[in-house]
Amino acid sequence: MISDLSPGQSVSAEFVVRTCEIRSRRENGELYLHLELGDASGRISGSLWNDVQSAFERCGVGKCVRVEGKAILWKGRHHLAIARLETIDDPQTTSWIADAPIDPSLLYERILALIDSVDIPPLRTLLQRLFGDETFRRRFLAAPAGKLWHHCSKGGLAQHTWAVTELALDIAKFYPNLQKNLLIAGALLHDVGKIREYRSERFIDYSDEGRLLGHVAMGYGLVAAQIQSIADFPPRLRQALLHLILSHHGDREAGAPVLPMTPEALVLHFADRIDSLLNAAERIRRRDCVPGRHWSRYIRLLDRFLYFDDLAFDGRSGQSPTVSDHSIQQEE
């Protein structure tokens, strides 16, 4: 697995090709094949310096390859120096994309329970029609919530949707004037366009429609069409719900067509932001932090490093307790 590789380690393993291009060395123009390879645990760059043209012609994006070589550090990152590469039609690997840490079917049951708690009939009907549809259910449970940044796994959309809804409801406990039914519906539907935004055969990438339209617009269209089929759906309720979907990214630079302009829209945006950021932070912690190292690599998307302290502080003394062998083992 890519996540287990360490510099100096010999590699003989199967990967899926995520990118593949011929590049030239700046110093002398020598050609080499640059690849990004992936498996269920992550991705890694690699380079092949022999038989470049032939390998390029055999090695297309989405194909499975067997690689022999060595893991090295290159520009501070793990890299594969590839000695031999062959395409394979019948890989032994059966799953190239990570599964969500929580069974998405279990999360779906929790989502259905949340829908049952909605006591505004038109909203409940809308949610039941969507989440009760078997085709929708199948696509929703298989969908990721992101390509690389957050919840980028099979079932990631279910995990993210459930977490955002629960976070929004926790916030609503402190603000009784918030419309809880609207919050539940908006949170459950805010990323529904992602069932069409991504394709995930051997790795997660954008569908053509997803890249051209984006999940916010597609989610708006999907929900608006469902509302149209429900007789006497209140126009102001329709407006409030669709506003939540359109504004949940928070600002135009992040892809929101409109800014959050209702209290419920503000709550949804921040709940979405909290869950996506903390899920990404956990992925970065697993990727970058080993015993004795507490800082992540520089994260360009956040314009900062992240610090991860693996010690639990004793609130009574303000001192860190001694770390047991068991806790060290757990961290590893």
Protein backbone atom coordinates (compact mmCIF):
# COMPACT_ATOMS: atom_id res chain seq x y z
CA MET A 1 0.00 0.00 0.00
CA ILE A 2 1.22 3.50 -0.81
CA SER A 3 0.67 4.70 2.74
CA ASP A 4 3.10 2.04 4.00
CA LEU A 5 6.00 2.94 1.70
CA SER A 6 9.20 4.35 3.16
CA PRO A 7 12.34 5.69 1.43
CA GLY A 8 14.73 2.96 0.34
CA GLN A 9 12.05 0.30 0.22
CA SER A 10 11.88 -1.97 -2.83
CA VAL A 11 8.48 -1.96 -4.48
CA SER A 12 6.68 -4.60 -6.51
CA ALA A 13 2.98 -3.78 -6.48
CA GLU A 14 -0.15 -2.98 -8.45
CA PHE A 15 -1.42 0.57 -8.88
CA VAL A 16 -3.95 2.47 -10.94
CA VAL A 17 -2.64 5.23 -13.24
CA ARG A 18 -4.07 8.64 -12.30
CA THR A 19 -1.93 10.77 -14.64
CA CYS A 20 0.65 9.87 -17.27
CA GLU A 21 2.78 12.23 -19.38
CA ILE A 22 6.15 12.41 -21.09
CA ARG A 23 8.37 15.16 -19.69
CA SER A 24 11.89 16.32 -20.46
CA ARG A 25 14.72 16.93 -18.06
CA ARG A 26 15.48 20.63 -17.80
CA GLU A 27 19.25 20.19 -17.85
CA ASN A 28 19.67 18.08 -20.99
CA GLY A 29 16.25 17.46 -22.52
CA GLU A 30 16.28 13.75 -21.69
CA LEU A 31 12.76 12.33 -21.83
CA TYR A 32 11.12 10.45 -18.97
CA LEU A 33 7.65 9.22 -18.11
CA HIS A 34 6.03 11.03 -15.19
CA LEU A 35 3.15 9.24 -13.49
CA GLU A 36 0.81 9.67 -10.58
CA LEU A 37 -0.15 6.26 -9.25
CA GLY A 38 -2.83 5.39 -6.73
CA ASP A 39 -4.31 2.67 -4.60
CA ALA A 40 -6.94 2.62 -1.86
CA SER A 41 -4.50 4.16 0.64
CA GLY A 42 -3.35 7.20 -1.35
CA ARG A 43 -1.32 8.39 -4.32
CA ILE A 44 2.33 8.81 -5.21
CA SER A 45 4.33 10.25 -8.10
CA GLY A 46 6.72 8.10 -10.07
CA SER A 47 9.20 8.36 -12.92
CA LEU A 48 10.42 5.89 -15.55
CA TRP A 49 13.55 6.64 -17.56
CA ASN A 50 13.77 3.70 -19.95
CA ASP A 51 11.51 2.59 -22.82
CA VAL A 52 9.62 5.84 -22.31
CA GLN A 53 7.57 6.08 -25.53
CA SER A 54 6.48 2.44 -25.46
CA ALA A 55 5.49 2.67 -21.79
CA PHE A 56 3.52 5.86 -22.45
CA GLU A 57 1.56 4.19 -25.27
CA ARG A 58 0.70 1.24 -23.02
CA CYS A 59 -0.01 3.18 -19.88
CA GLY A 60 -3.20 5.25 -20.09
CA VAL A 61 -5.11 7.02 -17.33
CA GLY A 62 -7.32 4.55 -15.47
CA LYS A 63 -5.27 1.50 -16.43
CA CYS A 64 -3.85 -0.90 -13.89
CA VAL A 65 -0.10 -1.43 -13.83
CA ARG A 66 2.42 -3.53 -11.99
CA VAL A 67 5.44 -1.51 -10.95
CA GLU A 68 8.86 -2.62 -9.83
CA GLY A 69 11.25 -0.06 -8.42
CA LYS A 70 12.23 1.76 -5.26
CA ALA A 71 10.60 4.33 -3.00
CA ILE A 72 12.72 7.45 -2.60
CA LEU A 73 12.43 11.00 -1.28
CA TRP A 74 12.31 13.58 -4.06
CA LYS A 75 11.86 17.26 -3.25
CA GLY A 76 10.79 16.26 0.23
CA ARG A 77 8.03 13.90 -0.93
CA HIS A 78 7.75 10.18 -1.41
CA HIS A 79 8.38 9.16 -5.01
CA LEU A 80 8.76 5.94 -6.98
CA ALA A 81 11.89 5.42 -9.07
CA ILE A 82 10.43 2.90 -11.50
CA ALA A 83 12.67 0.27 -13.06
CA ARG A 84 9.94 -1.75 -14.77
CA LEU A 85 6.29 -1.14 -15.57
CA GLU A 86 3.69 -3.39 -17.21
CA THR A 87 -0.04 -2.99 -17.75
CA ILE A 88 -2.28 -5.73 -16.36
CA ASP A 89 -5.78 -6.67 -17.50
CA ASP A 90 -6.69 -8.84 -14.52
CA PRO A 91 -5.31 -7.13 -11.39
CA GLN A 92 -5.41 -8.96 -8.10
CA THR A 93 -6.46 -5.74 -6.39
CA THR A 94 -10.25 -5.55 -6.18
CA SER A 95 -10.75 -2.07 -4.68
CA TRP A 96 -8.76 1.01 -5.65
CA ILE A 97 -10.75 3.57 -3.64
CA ALA A 98 -10.82 3.77 0.13
CA ASP A 99 -14.03 2.97 2.01
CA ALA A 100 -15.52 5.44 4.47
CA PRO A 101 -14.63 4.57 8.08
CA ILE A 102 -18.32 4.24 8.98
CA ASP A 103 -20.65 1.86 7.13
CA PRO A 104 -22.63 4.19 4.81
CA SER A 105 -25.70 1.91 5.07
CA LEU A 106 -25.77 2.56 8.82
CA LEU A 107 -25.50 6.30 8.16
CA TYR A 108 -28.36 6.06 5.68
CA GLU A 109 -30.56 4.59 8.41
CA ARG A 110 -29.65 7.54 10.62
CA ILE A 111 -30.49 9.92 7.79
CA LEU A 112 -33.90 8.26 7.35
CA ALA A 113 -34.52 8.71 11.09
CA LEU A 114 -33.71 12.41 10.76
CA ILE A 115 -36.18 12.66 7.87
CA ASP A 116 -38.87 11.06 10.03
CA SER A 117 -38.32 13.80 12.61
CA VAL A 118 -39.22 16.56 10.11
CA ASP A 119 -42.75 17.74 10.97
CA ILE A 120 -43.40 20.05 8.00
CA PRO A 121 -45.26 17.74 5.58
CA PRO A 122 -43.99 19.20 2.25
CA LEU A 123 -40.37 19.03 3.44
CA ARG A 124 -40.78 15.50 4.74
CA THR A 125 -42.41 14.42 1.46
CA LEU A 126 -39.55 15.93 -0.54
CA LEU A 127 -36.91 14.15 1.55
CA GLN A 128 -38.78 10.84 1.55
CA ARG A 129 -39.16 10.88 -2.22
CA LEU A 130 -35.48 11.47 -2.77
CA PHE A 131 -33.96 9.28 -0.10
CA GLY A 132 -36.62 6.59 -0.56
CA ASP A 133 -35.73 6.12 -4.23
CA GLU A 134 -33.59 3.01 -4.71
CA THR A 135 -31.51 4.42 -7.58
CA PHE A 136 -30.78 7.56 -5.56
CA ARG A 137 -29.90 5.45 -2.50
CA ARG A 138 -27.43 3.32 -4.44
CA ARG A 139 -25.68 6.34 -5.96
CA PHE A 140 -25.67 8.29 -2.70
CA LEU A 141 -24.09 5.41 -0.73
CA ALA A 142 -21.34 4.93 -3.31
CA ALA A 143 -20.52 8.62 -3.79
CA PRO A 144 -17.52 10.45 -2.34
CA ALA A 145 -17.88 13.98 -1.00
CA GLY A 146 -14.58 15.15 -2.48
CA LYS A 147 -11.90 14.26 -5.00
CA LEU A 148 -8.80 14.82 -2.86
CA TRP A 149 -9.52 17.23 0.00
CA HIS A 150 -12.21 15.85 2.30
CA HIS A 151 -14.32 12.67 2.58
CA CYS A 152 -12.65 11.34 -0.58
CA SER A 153 -13.83 7.75 -0.17
CA LYS A 154 -16.69 5.50 -1.16
CA GLY A 155 -19.48 6.42 1.23
CA GLY A 156 -17.84 9.77 1.97
CA LEU A 157 -20.95 11.69 0.91
CA ALA A 158 -23.12 9.81 3.40
CA GLN A 159 -20.56 10.38 6.16
CA HIS A 160 -20.28 14.10 5.41
CA THR A 161 -24.03 14.64 4.98
CA TRP A 162 -24.88 12.99 8.28
CA ALA A 163 -22.12 14.84 10.17
CA VAL A 164 -23.10 18.25 8.77
CA THR A 165 -26.74 17.66 9.73
CA GLU A 166 -25.85 16.65 13.28
CA LEU A 167 -23.48 19.62 13.65
CA ALA A 168 -26.18 22.01 12.44
CA LEU A 169 -28.65 20.54 14.93
CA ASP A 170 -26.13 20.87 17.75
CA ILE A 171 -25.72 24.57 16.92
CA ALA A 172 -29.51 24.98 16.81
CA LYS A 173 -29.75 23.88 20.45
CA PHE A 174 -28.33 27.27 21.43
CA TYR A 175 -30.52 29.34 19.10
CA PRO A 176 -34.22 28.46 19.49
CA ASN A 177 -35.34 30.83 16.74
CA LEU A 178 -33.62 28.75 14.06
CA GLN A 179 -36.00 26.73 11.89
CA LYS A 180 -34.85 23.20 12.73
CA ASN A 181 -36.92 21.47 10.03
CA LEU A 182 -35.42 23.71 7.37
CA LEU A 183 -31.92 23.10 8.74
CA ILE A 184 -32.35 19.33 8.57
CA ALA A 185 -33.61 19.49 4.98
CA GLY A 186 -30.90 21.92 3.87
CA ALA A 187 -28.12 19.91 5.49
CA LEU A 188 -29.32 16.62 4.02
CA LEU A 189 -29.62 18.15 0.54
CA HIS A 190 -26.74 20.64 0.44
CA ASP A 191 -24.32 18.31 -1.40
CA VAL A 192 -26.83 16.11 -3.20
CA GLY A 193 -25.42 17.17 -6.57
CA LYS A 194 -22.27 15.20 -5.77
CA ILE A 195 -23.98 11.96 -6.75
CA ARG A 196 -23.45 13.24 -10.32
CA GLU A 197 -20.38 15.46 -9.88
CA TYR A 198 -17.89 12.60 -9.48
CA ARG A 199 -17.13 9.37 -11.24
CA SER A 200 -15.24 6.77 -9.29
CA GLU A 201 -14.40 3.65 -11.26
CA ARG A 202 -10.76 3.17 -10.20
CA PHE A 203 -10.11 6.60 -8.69
CA ILE A 204 -12.22 9.62 -7.91
CA ASP A 205 -12.39 12.25 -10.62
CA TYR A 206 -14.91 14.73 -11.96
CA SER A 207 -17.51 13.60 -14.43
CA ASP A 208 -17.83 15.76 -17.53
CA GLU A 209 -21.10 17.13 -16.19
CA GLY A 210 -19.56 17.69 -12.77
CA ARG A 211 -16.66 19.71 -14.13
CA LEU A 212 -18.89 21.75 -16.44
CA LEU A 213 -21.74 22.47 -14.02
CA GLY A 214 -20.57 21.72 -10.46
CA HIS A 215 -22.49 20.07 -7.64
CA VAL A 216 -24.09 23.28 -6.35
CA ALA A 217 -25.91 23.93 -9.63
CA MET A 218 -26.73 20.26 -10.13
CA GLY A 219 -28.04 19.93 -6.58
CA TYR A 220 -30.19 23.02 -7.03
CA GLY A 221 -31.65 21.60 -10.24
CA LEU A 222 -32.32 18.18 -8.75
CA VAL A 223 -34.11 19.56 -5.68
CA ALA A 224 -36.01 22.21 -7.64
CA ALA A 225 -37.34 19.51 -10.00
CA GLN A 226 -38.50 17.38 -7.07
CA ILE A 227 -40.23 20.35 -5.46
CA GLN A 228 -42.02 21.04 -8.76
CA SER A 229 -43.60 17.56 -8.56
CA ILE A 230 -45.07 18.16 -5.08
CA ALA A 231 -48.48 19.83 -5.15
CA ASP A 232 -48.85 23.03 -3.15
CA PHE A 233 -45.24 23.18 -1.96
CA PRO A 234 -45.07 26.61 -0.24
CA PRO A 235 -43.16 29.11 -2.44
CA ARG A 236 -41.39 30.76 0.53
CA LEU A 237 -40.29 27.37 1.83
CA ARG A 238 -38.98 26.50 -1.63
CA GLN A 239 -37.07 29.77 -1.72
CA ALA A 240 -35.56 29.26 1.74
CA LEU A 241 -34.47 25.68 1.01
CA LEU A 242 -32.95 26.41 -2.39
CA HIS A 243 -31.09 29.36 -0.87
CA LEU A 244 -29.41 26.95 1.57
CA ILE A 245 -28.16 24.78 -1.31
CA LEU A 246 -26.93 27.74 -3.37
CA SER A 247 -25.16 29.52 -0.50
CA HIS A 248 -23.59 26.70 1.52
CA HIS A 249 -20.04 27.34 0.25
CA GLY A 250 -20.17 30.69 2.01
CA ASP A 251 -18.58 33.06 -0.47
CA ARG A 252 -18.29 33.49 -4.20
CA GLU A 253 -14.57 32.73 -4.27
CA ALA A 254 -15.38 29.28 -2.86
CA GLY A 255 -18.07 28.64 -5.47
CA ALA A 256 -21.26 29.96 -3.86
CA PRO A 257 -23.55 31.67 -6.42
CA VAL A 258 -25.05 33.70 -3.56
CA LEU A 259 -23.88 34.52 -0.04
CA PRO A 260 -25.66 33.04 3.01
CA MET A 261 -28.37 35.55 3.87
CA THR A 262 -30.51 33.72 6.44
CA PRO A 263 -29.56 32.45 9.90
CA GLU A 264 -30.09 28.87 8.74
CA ALA A 265 -27.81 29.44 5.73
CA LEU A 266 -25.07 30.76 8.01
CA VAL A 267 -25.36 27.71 10.27
CA LEU A 268 -25.25 25.31 7.32
CA HIS A 269 -22.20 27.01 5.85
CA PHE A 270 -20.21 26.83 9.08
CA ALA A 271 -21.28 23.24 9.82
CA ASP A 272 -20.19 22.26 6.31
CA ARG A 273 -16.91 24.13 6.75
CA ILE A 274 -16.19 22.53 10.13
CA ASP A 275 -16.76 18.98 8.92
CA SER A 276 -14.83 19.34 5.66
CA LEU A 277 -11.85 21.03 7.34
CA LEU A 278 -11.60 18.59 10.24
CA ASN A 279 -11.95 15.57 7.98
CA ALA A 280 -9.17 16.98 5.79
CA ALA A 281 -7.05 17.68 8.87
CA GLU A 282 -7.41 14.08 10.02
CA ARG A 283 -6.36 12.82 6.58
CA ILE A 284 -3.33 15.12 6.70
CA ARG A 285 -2.45 13.93 10.21
CA ARG A 286 -2.50 10.29 9.08
CA ARG A 287 -0.42 11.15 6.02
CA ASP A 288 2.24 13.38 7.54
CA CYS A 289 2.63 12.62 11.22
CA VAL A 290 4.72 9.80 12.57
CA PRO A 291 5.93 9.36 16.18
CA GLY A 292 8.21 12.29 16.99
CA ARG A 293 6.89 14.51 14.20
CA HIS A 294 4.05 16.91 14.98
CA TRP A 295 3.96 19.26 11.99
CA SER A 296 2.29 18.59 8.67
CA ARG A 297 3.77 19.57 5.36
CA TYR A 298 2.86 23.06 4.17
CA ILE A 299 -0.79 22.99 3.07
CA ARG A 300 -1.21 25.33 0.13
CA LEU A 301 -5.01 25.28 0.27
CA LEU A 302 -4.93 26.58 3.86
CA ASP A 303 -1.73 28.65 3.48
CA ARG A 304 -0.26 27.16 6.66
CA PHE A 305 1.24 24.16 8.38
CA LEU A 306 -0.86 22.20 10.87
CA TYR A 307 0.41 21.12 14.28
CA PHE A 308 -0.79 17.83 15.76
CA ASP A 309 -0.03 17.17 19.41
CA ASP A 310 -0.37 13.48 20.28
CA LEU A 311 -0.34 14.17 24.05
CA ALA A 312 -3.47 14.54 26.16
CA PHE A 313 -3.13 17.40 28.66
CA ASP A 314 -4.10 16.98 32.28
CA GLY A 315 -6.46 19.88 32.98
CA ARG A 316 -5.77 19.83 36.73
CA SER A 317 -2.02 20.35 36.52
CA GLY A 318 -1.62 21.86 33.07
CA GLN A 319 1.07 19.27 32.45
CA SER A 320 1.17 16.52 29.89
CA PRO A 321 0.87 13.04 31.40
CA THR A 322 3.46 10.40 30.68
CA VAL A 323 2.70 8.59 27.45
CA SER A 324 2.33 4.86 27.96
CA ASP A 325 3.74 2.28 25.60
CA HIS A 326 0.15 1.38 24.72
CA SER A 327 -0.74 4.91 23.62
CA ILE A 328 2.41 5.12 21.51
CA GLN A 329 1.48 1.84 19.90
CA GLN A 330 -2.01 3.14 19.23
CA GLU A 331 -0.61 6.29 17.58
CA GLU A 332 1.58 4.21 15.32
